[in-house]
Amino acid sequence: MAKKGILLLCAATILLTTAICVHSANAESGSSGEIAMELSTGAVLEESNADRKLPMASTTKIMTAIIVIEENDLDEVITVPDEAVGVEGSSIYLKKEEQIDIRDLLYGLMLRSGNDSAAALAIHNSGSIENFVEKMNAKAKSIGAENTQFKNPSGLPDDEHYTTARDLCAIARYAMQNRIFREVVATKSYKGKFRSYSNKNKMLYNYSGANGVKTGYTIKAGRCLVSSAERNGMNVICVVLNSPDMYLRSEQILDECFANYKLIEICENMAFMSDKVLCKLPKSIKFVAKQVQKINFKVIPYDNLKNIKSGDLVAKLEISNQNGLILSENLYSIINR
């Protein structure tokens, strides 16, 4: 009887331990983050758990790519370092002492997600992967990605390698303002001097207006996708981290953003009238508004202005909707009075 009781106790303990493990695994797999931003303004259009720290797999390579683009001659031919041969995970199968240019490594990094390419680029740029990672973290902070930490240039699993959907979107937004980066991540098929690739990112083939940017997957991070698309002059960047159907979810978020929002631009050469003085903005401005919102413009003259010359500050432009003020900008005279 005593033995039976011990056996039952052991069985209960095993079941309880299993339940705890399953619960922990499910809790981890349920951790996700999402956000969508308009590219030119940084306006947040949708978000869910956007500040939750999560692993990001190969979307890490967005940071690797933009540093290389900004700092390296893409036509330079290098010799593949030993440390970049046989790197675990996705690969472009670099060979020892192979000659290849930075451009082909860059496209291999972003189109085929080559971890070996990431290592080769990092070592060439900074002398070592460790030095390059320091540069990645400094760059993240300069962009405003305060809740991001990199431990490698590829996104291989590491407990101290993480970001948030908000931070990753900010990094992607920064990168997408670089012409070369935009060209790379929008490329479906590439033929270089040394290598040729097709892009793994299915958004480019299946979603209207898609123009980037990077996929990612590890068991720890789950399925991650940073996507970008442009319609009717508005470009939206979407980040989903640990999303089981990352393509479908990204399409849903992008569809909602394009259906619900519009980008409005006021050009600097547009004239306004303030107390019989023609005036204009110092530069063009853009802002995001909901499709159904009515936008109001109000010019408020400054008091006691005399002997006005072209370029003088004369008024303030207030832009609002039914919920209140969206933004205000100064207006400057374009005539002498």
Protein backbone atom coordinates (compact mmCIF):
# COMPACT_ATOMS: atom_id res chain seq x y z
CA MET A 1 0.00 0.00 0.00
CA ALA A 2 2.90 2.28 0.87
CA LYS A 3 4.57 1.49 -2.45
CA LYS A 4 1.34 2.28 -4.31
CA GLY A 5 1.11 5.63 -2.50
CA ILE A 6 4.70 6.47 -3.43
CA LEU A 7 4.03 5.56 -7.07
CA LEU A 8 0.93 7.75 -7.15
CA LEU A 9 2.87 10.61 -5.57
CA CYS A 10 5.66 10.25 -8.15
CA ALA A 11 3.13 10.16 -11.00
CA ALA A 12 1.42 13.28 -9.68
CA THR A 13 4.78 15.04 -9.38
CA ILE A 14 5.66 14.13 -12.98
CA LEU A 15 2.29 15.37 -14.23
CA LEU A 16 2.64 18.61 -12.27
CA THR A 17 6.18 19.17 -13.56
CA THR A 18 5.03 18.46 -17.11
CA ALA A 19 2.12 20.88 -16.72
CA ILE A 20 4.46 23.59 -15.46
CA CYS A 21 6.84 23.02 -18.37
CA VAL A 22 4.02 23.06 -20.90
CA HIS A 23 2.62 26.22 -19.34
CA SER A 24 6.03 27.91 -19.48
CA ALA A 25 6.55 26.89 -23.09
CA ASN A 26 3.10 28.11 -24.03
CA ALA A 27 3.66 31.40 -22.22
CA GLU A 28 6.90 31.92 -24.14
CA SER A 29 5.37 30.96 -27.48
CA GLY A 30 2.49 33.34 -26.79
CA SER A 31 4.80 36.32 -26.38
CA SER A 32 4.52 38.49 -29.45
CA GLY A 33 4.79 42.12 -30.50
CA GLU A 34 3.39 44.15 -33.39
CA ILE A 35 3.57 47.70 -34.70
CA ALA A 36 3.02 49.68 -37.90
CA MET A 37 4.49 53.11 -38.64
CA GLU A 38 4.24 55.52 -41.54
CA LEU A 39 7.72 55.83 -43.01
CA SER A 40 8.16 59.57 -43.59
CA THR A 41 6.61 60.83 -40.34
CA GLY A 42 7.13 57.95 -37.91
CA ALA A 43 3.46 58.12 -36.96
CA VAL A 44 2.32 54.93 -35.20
CA LEU A 45 -0.78 53.55 -36.93
CA GLU A 46 -1.27 50.29 -35.02
CA GLU A 47 0.48 48.55 -32.14
CA SER A 48 0.16 45.61 -29.78
CA ASN A 49 2.75 44.73 -27.12
CA ALA A 50 5.12 46.99 -29.05
CA ASP A 51 7.47 47.50 -26.09
CA ARG A 52 7.82 43.85 -25.09
CA LYS A 53 11.46 42.69 -25.30
CA LEU A 54 11.69 39.74 -27.68
CA PRO A 55 14.28 37.93 -29.82
CA MET A 56 14.15 38.97 -33.48
CA ALA A 57 16.09 36.30 -35.38
CA SER A 58 17.40 37.40 -38.79
CA THR A 59 15.59 40.73 -38.82
CA THR A 60 18.76 41.64 -36.92
CA LYS A 61 20.41 41.87 -40.33
CA ILE A 62 18.62 45.16 -41.04
CA MET A 63 21.09 46.83 -38.67
CA THR A 64 24.03 44.90 -40.09
CA ALA A 65 23.11 45.97 -43.61
CA ILE A 66 22.65 49.68 -42.94
CA ILE A 67 25.98 49.96 -41.13
CA VAL A 68 27.77 48.25 -44.02
CA ILE A 69 26.00 50.44 -46.60
CA GLU A 70 26.91 53.62 -44.75
CA GLU A 71 30.52 52.71 -44.06
CA ASN A 72 31.84 50.41 -46.79
CA ASP A 73 32.66 50.55 -50.50
CA LEU A 74 30.21 48.03 -51.94
CA ASP A 75 32.44 47.37 -54.95
CA GLU A 76 35.42 46.37 -52.81
CA VAL A 77 36.47 42.74 -53.30
CA ILE A 78 37.48 40.93 -50.12
CA THR A 79 38.79 37.53 -49.12
CA VAL A 80 36.32 35.55 -47.00
CA PRO A 81 37.74 35.22 -43.46
CA ASP A 82 37.98 31.78 -41.87
CA GLU A 83 35.47 32.77 -39.16
CA ALA A 84 32.78 33.26 -41.81
CA VAL A 85 33.06 29.74 -43.22
CA GLY A 86 30.60 27.13 -41.95
CA VAL A 87 28.60 29.49 -39.71
CA GLU A 88 25.50 27.73 -38.39
CA GLY A 89 22.04 28.47 -39.73
CA SER A 90 21.04 29.96 -43.08
CA SER A 91 23.97 30.38 -45.41
CA ILE A 92 25.20 31.51 -48.83
CA TYR A 93 27.91 28.81 -48.49
CA LEU A 94 31.01 30.95 -48.49
CA LYS A 95 34.26 29.08 -49.04
CA LYS A 96 37.61 29.57 -47.37
CA GLU A 97 39.65 32.34 -49.05
CA GLU A 98 36.86 32.92 -51.58
CA GLN A 99 36.98 36.29 -53.36
CA ILE A 100 33.71 38.21 -53.33
CA ASP A 101 32.68 41.86 -53.30
CA ILE A 102 30.81 43.63 -50.49
CA ARG A 103 27.78 44.16 -52.72
CA ASP A 104 27.27 40.43 -53.33
CA LEU A 105 27.71 39.77 -49.60
CA LEU A 106 25.15 42.47 -48.83
CA TYR A 107 22.56 41.00 -51.19
CA GLY A 108 23.31 37.53 -49.81
CA LEU A 109 22.72 38.92 -46.33
CA MET A 110 19.33 40.47 -47.09
CA LEU A 111 17.89 38.24 -49.83
CA ARG A 112 19.12 34.82 -48.61
CA SER A 113 19.70 35.70 -44.94
CA GLY A 114 23.25 34.37 -44.97
CA ASN A 115 24.68 34.11 -41.47
CA ASP A 116 28.09 33.53 -43.02
CA SER A 117 27.65 36.71 -45.03
CA ALA A 118 26.84 38.60 -41.82
CA ALA A 119 30.03 37.32 -40.23
CA ALA A 120 32.17 38.23 -43.25
CA LEU A 121 30.73 41.74 -43.44
CA ALA A 122 31.09 42.35 -39.71
CA ILE A 123 34.71 41.20 -39.60
CA HIS A 124 35.63 43.23 -42.67
CA ASN A 125 33.93 46.35 -41.33
CA SER A 126 35.22 46.27 -37.76
CA GLY A 127 38.02 43.72 -37.55
CA SER A 128 35.97 41.33 -35.41
CA ILE A 129 32.38 40.38 -34.73
CA GLU A 130 32.69 41.72 -31.19
CA ASN A 131 33.77 45.15 -32.44
CA PHE A 132 30.95 45.20 -34.98
CA VAL A 133 28.38 44.32 -32.32
CA GLU A 134 29.53 47.32 -30.28
CA LYS A 135 28.91 49.46 -33.34
CA MET A 136 25.42 47.91 -33.79
CA ASN A 137 24.46 48.74 -30.22
CA ALA A 138 25.77 52.29 -30.48
CA LYS A 139 23.85 52.78 -33.72
CA ALA A 140 20.66 51.46 -32.11
CA LYS A 141 20.96 54.01 -29.30
CA SER A 142 21.57 56.84 -31.77
CA ILE A 143 18.38 55.89 -33.63
CA GLY A 144 16.44 55.86 -30.36
CA ALA A 145 16.14 52.09 -30.01
CA GLU A 146 16.77 52.11 -26.26
CA ASN A 147 15.32 48.65 -25.56
CA THR A 148 17.46 46.77 -28.06
CA GLN A 149 20.64 44.80 -27.49
CA PHE A 150 22.64 42.97 -30.14
CA LYS A 151 25.05 40.12 -29.43
CA ASN A 152 25.79 39.10 -33.03
CA PRO A 153 25.25 40.46 -36.57
CA SER A 154 22.98 37.66 -37.78
CA GLY A 155 20.30 37.00 -35.16
CA LEU A 156 21.47 33.61 -33.91
CA PRO A 157 19.85 32.79 -30.53
CA ASP A 158 21.29 34.44 -27.46
CA ASP A 159 19.43 35.31 -24.26
CA GLU A 160 20.94 38.81 -24.36
CA HIS A 161 20.02 39.45 -28.00
CA TYR A 162 16.64 41.18 -28.15
CA THR A 163 14.61 44.13 -29.35
CA THR A 164 11.02 45.38 -29.27
CA ALA A 165 8.62 45.78 -32.16
CA ARG A 166 8.81 49.56 -31.68
CA ASP A 167 12.61 49.63 -31.68
CA LEU A 168 12.91 47.32 -34.67
CA CYS A 169 10.44 49.43 -36.62
CA ALA A 170 12.47 52.54 -35.81
CA ILE A 171 15.63 50.81 -37.04
CA ALA A 172 13.87 49.69 -40.24
CA ARG A 173 12.43 53.17 -40.74
CA TYR A 174 15.92 54.66 -40.45
CA ALA A 175 17.33 52.10 -42.91
CA MET A 176 14.51 52.56 -45.42
CA GLN A 177 15.43 56.21 -45.78
CA ASN A 178 18.69 55.09 -47.40
CA ARG A 179 18.38 54.71 -51.18
CA ILE A 180 20.78 51.76 -51.48
CA PHE A 181 19.12 49.88 -48.63
CA ARG A 182 15.71 50.38 -50.24
CA GLU A 183 17.01 49.04 -53.55
CA VAL A 184 18.50 45.96 -51.91
CA VAL A 185 15.46 44.91 -49.88
CA ALA A 186 13.04 45.53 -52.77
CA THR A 187 15.03 43.28 -55.13
CA LYS A 188 13.31 40.03 -56.07
CA SER A 189 16.15 38.59 -58.14
CA TYR A 190 19.79 39.65 -58.09
CA LYS A 191 22.71 38.83 -60.38
CA GLY A 192 26.07 40.08 -59.15
CA LYS A 193 29.67 39.69 -60.23
CA PHE A 194 30.25 36.69 -58.01
CA ARG A 195 26.82 35.44 -56.85
CA SER A 196 23.16 35.47 -57.85
CA TYR A 197 20.16 35.21 -55.51
CA SER A 198 16.37 35.21 -55.34
CA ASN A 199 14.67 36.93 -52.42
CA LYS A 200 13.07 34.76 -49.70
CA ASN A 201 10.63 37.51 -48.69
CA LYS A 202 7.23 36.37 -50.03
CA MET A 203 5.67 39.77 -49.39
CA LEU A 204 7.47 41.10 -52.46
CA TYR A 205 5.66 38.57 -54.66
CA ASN A 206 2.26 38.42 -53.00
CA TYR A 207 1.42 41.86 -51.59
CA SER A 208 0.61 44.85 -53.78
CA GLY A 209 3.02 47.71 -53.16
CA ALA A 210 5.48 45.66 -51.08
CA ASN A 211 9.04 47.01 -51.15
CA GLY A 212 10.90 45.24 -48.32
CA VAL A 213 12.32 44.35 -45.92
CA LYS A 214 13.45 41.19 -43.97
CA THR A 215 12.27 37.83 -42.70
CA GLY A 216 13.51 35.95 -39.64
CA TYR A 217 13.03 32.64 -37.86
CA THR A 218 14.53 30.64 -35.03
CA ILE A 219 12.84 28.26 -32.62
CA LYS A 220 13.45 30.76 -29.81
CA ALA A 221 12.24 33.84 -31.70
CA GLY A 222 9.46 32.24 -33.71
CA ARG A 223 8.49 33.73 -37.05
CA CYS A 224 9.44 37.38 -37.38
CA LEU A 225 8.88 39.75 -40.27
CA VAL A 226 9.62 43.37 -40.99
CA SER A 227 7.62 44.37 -44.05
CA SER A 228 7.14 47.58 -45.97
CA ALA A 229 4.62 48.63 -48.61
CA GLU A 230 3.60 51.81 -50.40
CA ARG A 231 0.15 52.73 -51.71
CA ASN A 232 -1.27 56.10 -52.74
CA GLY A 233 1.92 57.87 -51.71
CA MET A 234 1.95 56.47 -48.17
CA ASN A 235 4.63 53.96 -47.11
CA VAL A 236 3.93 51.80 -44.07
CA ILE A 237 6.49 49.70 -42.20
CA CYS A 238 5.10 46.77 -40.22
CA VAL A 239 6.85 44.60 -37.63
CA VAL A 240 5.54 41.31 -36.26
CA LEU A 241 7.62 39.33 -33.77
CA ASN A 242 6.82 35.70 -32.95
CA SER A 243 3.84 35.60 -35.28
CA PRO A 244 2.92 32.02 -36.35
CA ASP A 245 1.57 33.20 -39.72
CA MET A 246 3.79 36.23 -40.15
CA TYR A 247 2.85 36.91 -43.77
CA LEU A 248 -0.90 36.77 -43.23
CA ARG A 249 -0.72 38.87 -40.08
CA SER A 250 1.49 41.47 -41.76
CA GLU A 251 -0.89 41.69 -44.70
CA GLN A 252 -3.83 42.19 -42.32
CA ILE A 253 -2.07 45.02 -40.47
CA LEU A 254 -0.96 46.73 -43.68
CA ASP A 255 -4.45 46.42 -45.17
CA GLU A 256 -5.95 48.05 -42.09
CA CYS A 257 -3.43 50.89 -42.19
CA PHE A 258 -4.05 51.67 -45.86
CA ALA A 259 -7.82 51.44 -45.37
CA ASN A 260 -7.90 53.68 -42.30
CA TYR A 261 -5.18 56.29 -42.84
CA LYS A 262 -3.89 58.72 -45.45
CA LEU A 263 -0.73 60.78 -45.75
CA ILE A 264 -1.24 64.51 -46.29
CA GLU A 265 1.53 66.76 -47.58
CA ILE A 266 1.54 70.57 -47.56
CA CYS A 267 4.18 71.85 -49.95
CA GLU A 268 6.43 74.75 -49.03
CA ASN A 269 5.35 76.65 -52.16
CA MET A 270 1.69 76.67 -51.07
CA ALA A 271 0.65 80.24 -50.23
CA PHE A 272 -1.48 81.28 -47.23
CA MET A 273 -2.99 84.68 -46.44
CA SER A 274 -2.40 86.30 -43.07
CA ASP A 275 -3.85 89.81 -42.56
CA LYS A 276 -3.34 90.62 -46.25
CA VAL A 277 0.21 89.24 -46.20
CA LEU A 278 1.08 86.29 -48.42
CA CYS A 279 3.08 83.72 -46.50
CA LYS A 280 4.29 80.13 -46.66
CA LEU A 281 5.90 77.34 -44.70
CA PRO A 282 9.72 77.20 -44.48
CA LYS A 283 9.59 73.63 -45.82
CA SER A 284 7.07 71.01 -46.87
CA ILE A 285 5.38 69.09 -44.06
CA LYS A 286 3.64 65.73 -43.93
CA PHE A 287 1.23 64.25 -41.43
CA VAL A 288 -1.03 61.22 -41.16
CA ALA A 289 -4.78 61.49 -40.72
CA LYS A 290 -7.63 59.02 -40.64
CA GLN A 291 -9.43 58.59 -43.94
CA VAL A 292 -12.76 59.73 -42.48
CA GLN A 293 -11.42 62.76 -40.62
CA LYS A 294 -12.06 66.30 -41.79
CA ILE A 295 -8.91 68.40 -41.64
CA ASN A 296 -9.11 72.09 -40.72
CA PHE A 297 -6.49 74.75 -41.44
CA LYS A 298 -6.36 78.03 -39.49
CA VAL A 299 -3.93 80.92 -40.00
CA ILE A 300 -3.31 82.98 -36.84
CA PRO A 301 -1.50 86.31 -37.49
CA TYR A 302 1.05 87.57 -35.01
CA ASP A 303 0.24 91.03 -33.54
CA ASN A 304 1.79 94.43 -34.31
CA LEU A 305 3.77 93.47 -37.37
CA LYS A 306 5.14 96.49 -39.30
CA ASN A 307 7.54 97.00 -42.19
CA ILE A 308 7.30 93.35 -43.12
CA LYS A 309 10.03 91.97 -45.35
CA SER A 310 10.16 88.74 -47.29
CA GLY A 311 11.18 85.96 -44.93
CA ASP A 312 9.77 87.56 -41.77
CA LEU A 313 7.76 85.43 -39.35
CA VAL A 314 4.16 86.66 -39.65
CA ALA A 315 1.74 83.95 -38.56
CA LYS A 316 1.12 80.46 -37.30
CA LEU A 317 -0.64 77.67 -39.19
CA GLU A 318 -2.73 75.35 -37.02
CA ILE A 319 -3.88 72.02 -38.44
CA SER A 320 -6.61 70.20 -36.53
CA ASN A 321 -9.36 67.62 -36.76
CA GLN A 322 -12.45 66.93 -34.66
CA ASN A 323 -10.23 65.59 -31.87
CA GLY A 324 -8.10 68.72 -31.63
CA LEU A 325 -4.77 70.10 -32.79
CA ILE A 326 -2.64 67.85 -34.99
CA LEU A 327 0.30 70.22 -35.41
CA SER A 328 1.22 73.87 -35.76
CA GLU A 329 3.88 75.47 -37.96
CA ASN A 330 5.21 78.99 -38.44
CA LEU A 331 4.45 80.92 -41.61
CA TYR A 332 6.85 83.40 -43.21
CA SER A 333 6.12 86.35 -45.50
CA ILE A 334 6.86 85.94 -49.19
CA ILE A 335 6.41 89.65 -49.95
CA ASN A 336 7.55 93.03 -48.62
CA ARG A 337 4.88 95.24 -47.07
